[in-house]
Structures are given as C-alpha cells and as structure tokens.
Amino acid sequence: MAAPSKYDDYDFPTTAPEPQSGHPGHTTPEQNTAVDQLRSELEQLGYTERLDTLTLLRFLRARKFDIQAAKTMFVDCEKWRKEFGTDDLARDFSYVEKPKVFEYYPQYYHKTDKDGRPVYIEKLGKIDLNAMYKITTAERMLQNLVCEYEKLSDPRLPACSRKAGSLMETCCTIMDLKGVGVTNIPSVYGYVKQASNISQNYYPERLGKLYLINAPWGFGAAFNVVKGFLDPVTVNKIHVLGSGYKKELLAQVPAENLPAEFGGTCSCAGGCELSDMGPWQEAEWTKTPKWAAPKAEPAPQKEGEEQAPQA
C-alpha cells in the first residue's frame, strides 16, 4: 500500500484478505503513485477530509485507476455530501417511523457472512410506497439510507475488520425478490433508482457479494442480457437464485447468522429486522465512531484579529 499519510488514522486492520490488484495491501508502485497524485490534486482544490488512502483507493478502483475520472467522482461526491447534509446525518437523524416503514420495506444490516462482511438484507417484494408515504416521505427514506451508509463506514466495517483480523470494506447483500411482479415495479422504480445512484456514485466499492433470491420466472434470462453491459468484476459478485436458494446462501452466511425466514437459525428477540446485531454491537470489537465525537468549537477571535474566510 502507499506510504501512510497524515490522513491515515486507522484503528483496525488495513490489509485486504484477498490479494486483488488495487486493494489495500496489494497495490503496485504505479497504483500507490496514483493515490499520492489524486490526494495532492484534491488538496490543491482545498479538500482536507476523506483523503485517507483507503477512501482514495476505493474511488480509484471505481474508475479503473483513471486519476482524473476518480478526481471528478470525488469532487462530485463532496458536493453532494454538502448539499445533502451528509456529515450530520449519522449524528442527528432519528428514523422514529422505522418499525412501521419496515412493515412494507424491510432493509437492514444483520450479523456477518463467513468472510466477516456485514450482511445487508432488503425485501423488495413487500414494498408499498403508497402506504409508506402515509408514514414517512421519500426524502426521509433516502436520509435513512445515507445514514446507514455512514454507519456502515463507521462503526460497522471497522468492527468487522477487527473481528476478522483483516480489512472489511464490502457487504454481503441479500435482496429478496419474493412478491416482486411487473405491476409493482413502476411504483418503486423512482425510489430504487435514486437509492442506486447514491450507492454507485457516492459510496463506491461497497458491494462484496449480491444474492438475488426468490427471483421470479424469467428474471434470470433478463439478467443474462444485462450482464453484457456490466463490468465483469461486478457480474462475478452477483448470484441470481430462485426459490431453491438456501444451500448456496448458507454456503456464504453461517446458519446462526442468517434469519430463520431465509433458512438460517437466527431468531433475534424482537425480530432480526430491527435488532442491528453484529460485531458493531459487541464491546470487544466496536469503538465510538468518529462522527460521534464532540464537534470542535472554533477558537475565540482575538480583539483586532480578522475573521478567517469560510471554506
């Protein structure tokens, strides 16, 4: 990996478990130089946050180590973060309507797969936006999505990395398509498209494996057509499974970590959907996330001293 910079303040393992090119601990001298150049160019633009090596490597991998493309992606992301108010969401956002919303659209993190990644589950077949919008708004749903992404970055992934003994940067995602039909696709397309854009553009390189289970008849054939337009690296992460998914899913997620409704043996008190169980809840592995630290107060201005311009 590139030589540590002043931004590399990590308290968890930083070497990826598999020797994949461009991943932390497995970079070439040219890739390390790309990290340094990207950081330098971003510093020249005035950026001082999220310039650590792990973050920059994710943006570079997302753009095939094209430095200028990664730079554009990073700048666009920072612009979005400012406009969306992302930096304060993890600290301040309260999704009090979550239990009611989850009756129509469960989406939650729950324990880890066999490799140590957080498992993320969505049940798309139960979505009823008309009913949900009587409880919440599209804006609050997206705010919750972003809040959970921020909590994935810290404390979820760092806790998983400590427990696994190697760097965890991605999730094992399970999308249950049971009940998804042609009739309810148009009503949810707008929200799902917005959510997908946020994921791809602002939280790159977070997908480890994706299991599409209970895929309806014809879905696999349609996906085979789409494959031709996707990056081969992404395609290798996606597994389209019908109703007979349990054997393959249990090969990736230990039965004790998989909710019983998907063929596992876990039945959290109060329901797995609202438990948020995982290493990030275990005192041995988790630490207070950096966003939870008290905000630094600006130094008092001395008499006769000019106020510094705001960035």
Protein backbone atom coordinates (compact mmCIF):
# COMPACT_ATOMS: atom_id res chain seq x y z
CA MET A 1 0.00 0.00 0.00
CA ALA A 2 1.05 3.60 -0.43
CA ALA A 3 3.15 5.13 2.32
CA PRO A 4 0.90 6.24 5.20
CA SER A 5 -0.22 9.85 5.03
CA LYS A 6 -1.32 12.21 7.79
CA TYR A 7 -4.91 11.28 6.93
CA ASP A 8 -4.42 7.56 7.62
CA ASP A 9 -5.70 7.43 11.19
CA TYR A 10 -6.87 3.80 11.43
CA ASP A 11 -7.52 1.65 14.48
CA PHE A 12 -8.40 -1.54 12.58
CA PRO A 13 -6.60 -3.89 10.11
CA THR A 14 -5.90 -2.30 6.73
CA THR A 15 -4.85 -5.24 4.56
CA ALA A 16 -7.49 -6.81 2.32
CA PRO A 17 -7.93 -10.57 2.93
CA GLU A 18 -7.57 -11.49 -0.77
CA PRO A 19 -4.64 -10.42 -3.00
CA GLN A 20 -6.66 -8.44 -5.53
CA SER A 21 -4.93 -5.73 -7.55
CA GLY A 22 -5.65 -2.22 -6.31
CA HIS A 23 -6.88 -3.35 -2.92
CA PRO A 24 -5.17 -2.26 0.32
CA GLY A 25 -2.02 -4.25 0.96
CA HIS A 26 -1.92 -5.48 -2.65
CA THR A 27 -1.15 -2.34 -4.65
CA THR A 28 1.53 -1.80 -7.27
CA PRO A 29 4.02 1.11 -7.19
CA GLU A 30 2.03 2.73 -10.02
CA GLN A 31 -1.20 2.46 -8.03
CA ASN A 32 0.49 3.93 -4.97
CA THR A 33 1.67 6.84 -7.09
CA ALA A 34 -1.91 7.33 -8.32
CA VAL A 35 -3.11 7.60 -4.70
CA ASP A 36 -0.47 10.23 -3.94
CA GLN A 37 -1.26 12.21 -7.08
CA LEU A 38 -5.01 12.12 -6.50
CA ARG A 39 -4.55 13.27 -2.91
CA SER A 40 -2.22 16.09 -3.97
CA GLU A 41 -4.64 17.36 -6.62
CA LEU A 42 -7.56 17.24 -4.17
CA GLU A 43 -5.52 19.11 -1.55
CA GLN A 44 -4.80 21.79 -4.15
CA LEU A 45 -8.56 22.18 -4.57
CA GLY A 46 -8.87 22.77 -0.81
CA TYR A 47 -10.13 19.37 0.37
CA THR A 48 -8.96 18.25 3.80
CA GLU A 49 -11.37 15.41 4.68
CA ARG A 50 -11.75 11.83 3.44
CA LEU A 51 -8.29 11.94 1.84
CA ASP A 52 -7.12 8.77 3.59
CA THR A 53 -5.60 6.02 1.48
CA LEU A 54 -8.45 3.51 1.86
CA THR A 55 -11.03 6.02 0.65
CA LEU A 56 -8.94 7.22 -2.28
CA LEU A 57 -8.24 3.65 -3.35
CA ARG A 58 -11.98 2.94 -3.45
CA PHE A 59 -12.58 5.91 -5.74
CA LEU A 60 -9.62 4.93 -7.93
CA ARG A 61 -10.80 1.31 -8.24
CA ALA A 62 -14.27 2.55 -9.17
CA ARG A 63 -12.70 4.44 -12.08
CA LYS A 64 -10.11 1.83 -13.10
CA PHE A 65 -7.30 4.00 -11.68
CA ASP A 66 -8.05 6.83 -14.08
CA ILE A 67 -6.88 9.64 -11.80
CA GLN A 68 -8.88 12.43 -13.43
CA ALA A 69 -12.08 10.34 -13.52
CA ALA A 70 -11.61 9.42 -9.84
CA LYS A 71 -10.97 13.09 -9.03
CA THR A 72 -14.22 14.11 -10.75
CA MET A 73 -16.09 11.39 -8.88
CA PHE A 74 -14.65 12.51 -5.53
CA VAL A 75 -15.41 16.20 -6.17
CA ASP A 76 -18.99 15.37 -7.22
CA CYS A 77 -19.37 13.26 -4.08
CA GLU A 78 -18.16 16.06 -1.81
CA LYS A 79 -20.56 18.50 -3.49
CA TRP A 80 -23.43 16.07 -2.91
CA ARG A 81 -22.41 15.50 0.73
CA LYS A 82 -22.55 19.24 1.39
CA GLU A 83 -25.90 19.70 -0.34
CA PHE A 84 -27.48 16.62 1.25
CA GLY A 85 -26.15 17.42 4.74
CA THR A 86 -24.50 14.01 4.92
CA ASP A 87 -21.89 14.80 7.58
CA ASP A 88 -24.54 15.41 10.24
CA LEU A 89 -26.96 12.57 9.40
CA ALA A 90 -25.32 9.76 11.36
CA ARG A 91 -25.18 12.01 14.42
CA ASP A 92 -28.55 13.74 14.18
CA PHE A 93 -31.02 11.69 12.11
CA SER A 94 -33.74 9.85 14.01
CA TYR A 95 -35.85 7.41 11.98
CA VAL A 96 -38.60 7.04 14.56
CA GLU A 97 -41.02 5.62 11.99
CA LYS A 98 -38.66 2.72 11.12
CA PRO A 99 -40.77 -0.11 12.68
CA LYS A 100 -43.84 0.96 10.68
CA VAL A 101 -41.87 1.53 7.47
CA PHE A 102 -40.30 -1.92 7.80
CA GLU A 103 -43.75 -3.50 7.59
CA TYR A 104 -43.65 -2.50 3.91
CA TYR A 105 -39.93 -2.30 3.12
CA PRO A 106 -37.52 -4.13 5.44
CA GLN A 107 -33.90 -3.10 4.79
CA TYR A 108 -31.35 -3.84 7.49
CA TYR A 109 -27.85 -4.99 8.47
CA HIS A 110 -27.68 -8.27 10.35
CA LYS A 111 -24.53 -10.03 11.57
CA THR A 112 -21.81 -11.23 9.14
CA ASP A 113 -21.09 -13.74 6.38
CA LYS A 114 -18.40 -16.43 6.55
CA ASP A 115 -15.77 -13.93 5.34
CA GLY A 116 -16.60 -11.41 8.07
CA ARG A 117 -18.56 -8.91 5.96
CA PRO A 118 -21.73 -7.26 7.28
CA VAL A 119 -24.84 -8.88 5.81
CA TYR A 120 -27.35 -6.40 4.37
CA ILE A 121 -30.89 -7.56 3.63
CA GLU A 122 -33.71 -5.98 1.61
CA LYS A 123 -37.16 -7.44 0.97
CA LEU A 124 -38.26 -5.76 -2.24
CA GLY A 125 -41.45 -7.76 -2.70
CA LYS A 126 -43.19 -6.10 0.23
CA ILE A 127 -42.71 -2.52 -0.95
CA ASP A 128 -45.91 -0.49 -0.91
CA LEU A 129 -44.89 3.12 -1.46
CA ASN A 130 -48.44 4.45 -1.22
CA ALA A 131 -48.80 3.00 2.26
CA MET A 132 -45.27 4.06 3.23
CA TYR A 133 -45.78 7.66 2.19
CA LYS A 134 -48.57 7.91 4.74
CA ILE A 135 -45.93 7.10 7.36
CA THR A 136 -42.81 8.79 6.01
CA THR A 137 -41.51 10.66 2.95
CA ALA A 138 -39.18 9.76 0.09
CA GLU A 139 -36.71 12.33 1.44
CA ARG A 140 -36.62 10.70 4.89
CA MET A 141 -36.23 7.26 3.32
CA LEU A 142 -33.17 8.48 1.42
CA GLN A 143 -31.84 10.21 4.53
CA ASN A 144 -32.13 6.92 6.40
CA LEU A 145 -30.35 5.11 3.56
CA VAL A 146 -27.47 7.59 3.68
CA CYS A 147 -27.38 7.49 7.48
CA GLU A 148 -26.98 3.71 7.34
CA TYR A 149 -24.21 4.03 4.73
CA GLU A 150 -22.38 6.40 7.06
CA LYS A 151 -22.77 3.92 9.92
CA LEU A 152 -21.53 1.18 7.60
CA SER A 153 -18.31 3.15 7.13
CA ASP A 154 -18.07 3.68 10.90
CA PRO A 155 -18.67 1.73 13.15
CA ARG A 156 -19.84 -1.38 11.22
CA LEU A 157 -16.93 -2.10 8.86
CA PRO A 158 -14.17 -1.19 11.35
CA ALA A 159 -15.74 -3.52 13.95
CA CYS A 160 -15.99 -6.32 11.38
CA SER A 161 -12.36 -5.71 10.37
CA ARG A 162 -11.17 -6.02 13.96
CA LYS A 163 -13.09 -9.25 14.48
CA ALA A 164 -11.97 -10.76 11.14
CA GLY A 165 -8.35 -9.67 11.60
CA SER A 166 -8.26 -8.22 8.07
CA LEU A 167 -9.81 -5.28 6.26
CA MET A 168 -13.54 -5.50 5.56
CA GLU A 169 -14.68 -2.86 3.05
CA THR A 170 -17.73 -4.50 1.49
CA CYS A 171 -21.09 -6.08 2.32
CA CYS A 172 -22.79 -9.33 1.52
CA THR A 173 -26.18 -8.19 0.24
CA ILE A 174 -29.31 -10.34 0.10
CA MET A 175 -32.20 -8.98 -1.96
CA ASP A 176 -35.39 -10.99 -1.58
CA LEU A 177 -37.47 -10.65 -4.75
CA LYS A 178 -40.37 -12.75 -3.45
CA GLY A 179 -43.59 -11.00 -4.40
CA VAL A 180 -41.97 -8.66 -6.92
CA GLY A 181 -44.12 -8.54 -10.03
CA VAL A 182 -44.50 -6.46 -13.15
CA THR A 183 -47.35 -4.49 -11.60
CA ASN A 184 -45.42 -3.04 -8.66
CA ILE A 185 -42.12 -2.31 -10.45
CA PRO A 186 -43.11 1.13 -11.90
CA SER A 187 -44.24 2.47 -8.50
CA VAL A 188 -40.91 1.75 -6.83
CA TYR A 189 -38.61 2.46 -9.78
CA GLY A 190 -38.10 6.14 -8.94
CA TYR A 191 -37.01 5.48 -5.36
CA VAL A 192 -34.86 2.47 -6.23
CA LYS A 193 -33.14 4.47 -8.99
CA GLN A 194 -32.31 7.30 -6.55
CA ALA A 195 -31.05 4.81 -3.98
CA SER A 196 -28.90 3.05 -6.60
CA ASN A 197 -27.41 6.34 -7.77
CA ILE A 198 -26.40 7.23 -4.20
CA SER A 199 -24.80 3.82 -3.76
CA GLN A 200 -22.85 3.80 -7.03
CA ASN A 201 -21.77 7.44 -7.16
CA TYR A 202 -21.11 8.32 -3.53
CA TYR A 203 -20.28 5.02 -1.77
CA PRO A 204 -18.19 3.16 -4.38
CA GLU A 205 -16.71 -0.29 -3.93
CA ARG A 206 -19.01 -1.37 -1.08
CA LEU A 207 -20.51 -4.44 -2.77
CA GLY A 208 -18.79 -7.72 -1.94
CA LYS A 209 -21.45 -10.24 -2.96
CA LEU A 210 -25.08 -9.84 -4.03
CA TYR A 211 -27.61 -12.65 -3.77
CA LEU A 212 -30.90 -12.06 -5.58
CA ILE A 213 -33.15 -14.72 -4.08
CA ASN A 214 -36.66 -15.85 -4.98
CA ALA A 215 -36.05 -14.42 -8.44
CA PRO A 216 -39.29 -14.71 -10.44
CA TRP A 217 -39.55 -16.75 -13.64
CA GLY A 218 -37.78 -15.03 -16.49
CA PHE A 219 -35.64 -12.83 -14.25
CA GLY A 220 -32.52 -14.92 -14.80
CA ALA A 221 -32.88 -14.75 -18.58
CA ALA A 222 -33.34 -10.97 -18.43
CA PHE A 223 -30.28 -10.63 -16.20
CA ASN A 224 -28.19 -12.65 -18.66
CA VAL A 225 -28.94 -9.96 -21.24
CA VAL A 226 -27.99 -7.18 -18.80
CA LYS A 227 -24.71 -8.92 -17.95
CA GLY A 228 -23.26 -7.80 -21.26
CA PHE A 229 -23.49 -4.17 -20.15
CA LEU A 230 -21.96 -4.69 -16.71
CA ASP A 231 -18.35 -4.72 -15.61
CA PRO A 232 -17.13 -8.37 -15.36
CA VAL A 233 -15.90 -7.70 -11.82
CA THR A 234 -19.44 -6.66 -10.83
CA VAL A 235 -21.05 -9.60 -12.64
CA ASN A 236 -18.90 -12.05 -10.66
CA LYS A 237 -20.32 -10.65 -7.43
CA ILE A 238 -23.97 -11.24 -8.41
CA HIS A 239 -25.79 -14.53 -7.89
CA VAL A 240 -29.35 -14.87 -9.21
CA LEU A 241 -31.19 -17.63 -7.36
CA GLY A 242 -34.77 -18.86 -7.47
CA SER A 243 -36.72 -20.33 -4.57
CA GLY A 244 -34.11 -23.06 -4.11
CA TYR A 245 -31.51 -20.61 -2.83
CA LYS A 246 -30.86 -21.93 0.67
CA LYS A 247 -27.92 -24.24 0.01
CA GLU A 248 -25.92 -21.59 -1.86
CA LEU A 249 -26.83 -18.83 0.59
CA LEU A 250 -25.88 -20.96 3.61
CA ALA A 251 -22.54 -21.66 1.96
CA GLN A 252 -21.81 -17.93 2.31
CA VAL A 253 -23.69 -16.99 5.50
CA PRO A 254 -23.43 -19.20 8.61
CA ALA A 255 -26.84 -20.57 9.66
CA GLU A 256 -26.57 -18.91 13.08
CA ASN A 257 -26.15 -15.53 11.39
CA LEU A 258 -28.94 -15.93 8.83
CA PRO A 259 -32.54 -15.08 9.83
CA ALA A 260 -34.74 -18.16 10.08
CA GLU A 261 -37.05 -16.91 7.33
CA PHE A 262 -34.19 -17.33 4.84
CA GLY A 263 -33.25 -20.82 6.00
CA GLY A 264 -30.93 -19.92 8.87
CA THR A 265 -31.37 -20.46 12.59
CA CYS A 266 -31.25 -16.88 13.91
CA SER A 267 -34.31 -15.51 15.67
CA CYS A 268 -33.34 -12.27 17.40
CA ALA A 269 -35.54 -11.09 20.26
CA GLY A 270 -37.91 -8.53 18.81
CA GLY A 271 -37.11 -9.71 15.28
CA CYS A 272 -33.91 -9.78 13.23
CA GLU A 273 -35.12 -6.84 11.12
CA LEU A 274 -34.83 -4.36 14.00
CA SER A 275 -32.01 -5.93 16.03
CA ASP A 276 -28.97 -4.46 14.18
CA MET A 277 -26.93 -7.33 15.60
CA GLY A 278 -23.29 -7.69 14.59
CA PRO A 279 -19.70 -7.04 15.73
CA TRP A 280 -20.57 -3.32 15.80
CA GLN A 281 -22.76 -4.10 18.82
CA GLU A 282 -20.08 -6.17 20.60
CA ALA A 283 -17.90 -4.30 23.09
CA GLU A 284 -14.84 -6.37 22.19
CA TRP A 285 -14.81 -5.12 18.60
CA THR A 286 -16.59 -1.79 18.36
CA LYS A 287 -15.36 1.68 19.20
CA THR A 288 -17.09 5.04 19.33
CA PRO A 289 -17.43 6.21 15.71
CA LYS A 290 -15.51 9.32 14.79
CA TRP A 291 -18.67 11.15 13.76
CA ALA A 292 -19.95 10.78 17.34
CA ALA A 293 -17.04 12.76 18.80
CA PRO A 294 -17.99 16.25 20.02
CA LYS A 295 -17.61 18.89 17.35
CA ALA A 296 -14.60 21.10 17.86
CA GLU A 297 -15.57 24.63 18.84
CA PRO A 298 -13.93 27.39 16.79
CA ALA A 299 -11.21 29.23 18.67
CA PRO A 300 -12.40 32.56 20.09
CA GLN A 301 -11.47 35.50 17.91
CA LYS A 302 -8.96 37.86 19.46
CA GLU A 303 -9.68 41.54 19.51
CA GLY A 304 -8.46 43.23 16.34
CA GLU A 305 -7.99 39.89 14.56
CA GLU A 306 -9.67 39.46 11.20
CA GLN A 307 -12.13 36.60 10.77
CA ALA A 308 -10.73 33.85 8.54
CA PRO A 309 -12.76 33.24 5.38
CA GLN A 310 -15.07 30.20 5.45
CA ALA A 311 -14.29 27.33 3.09
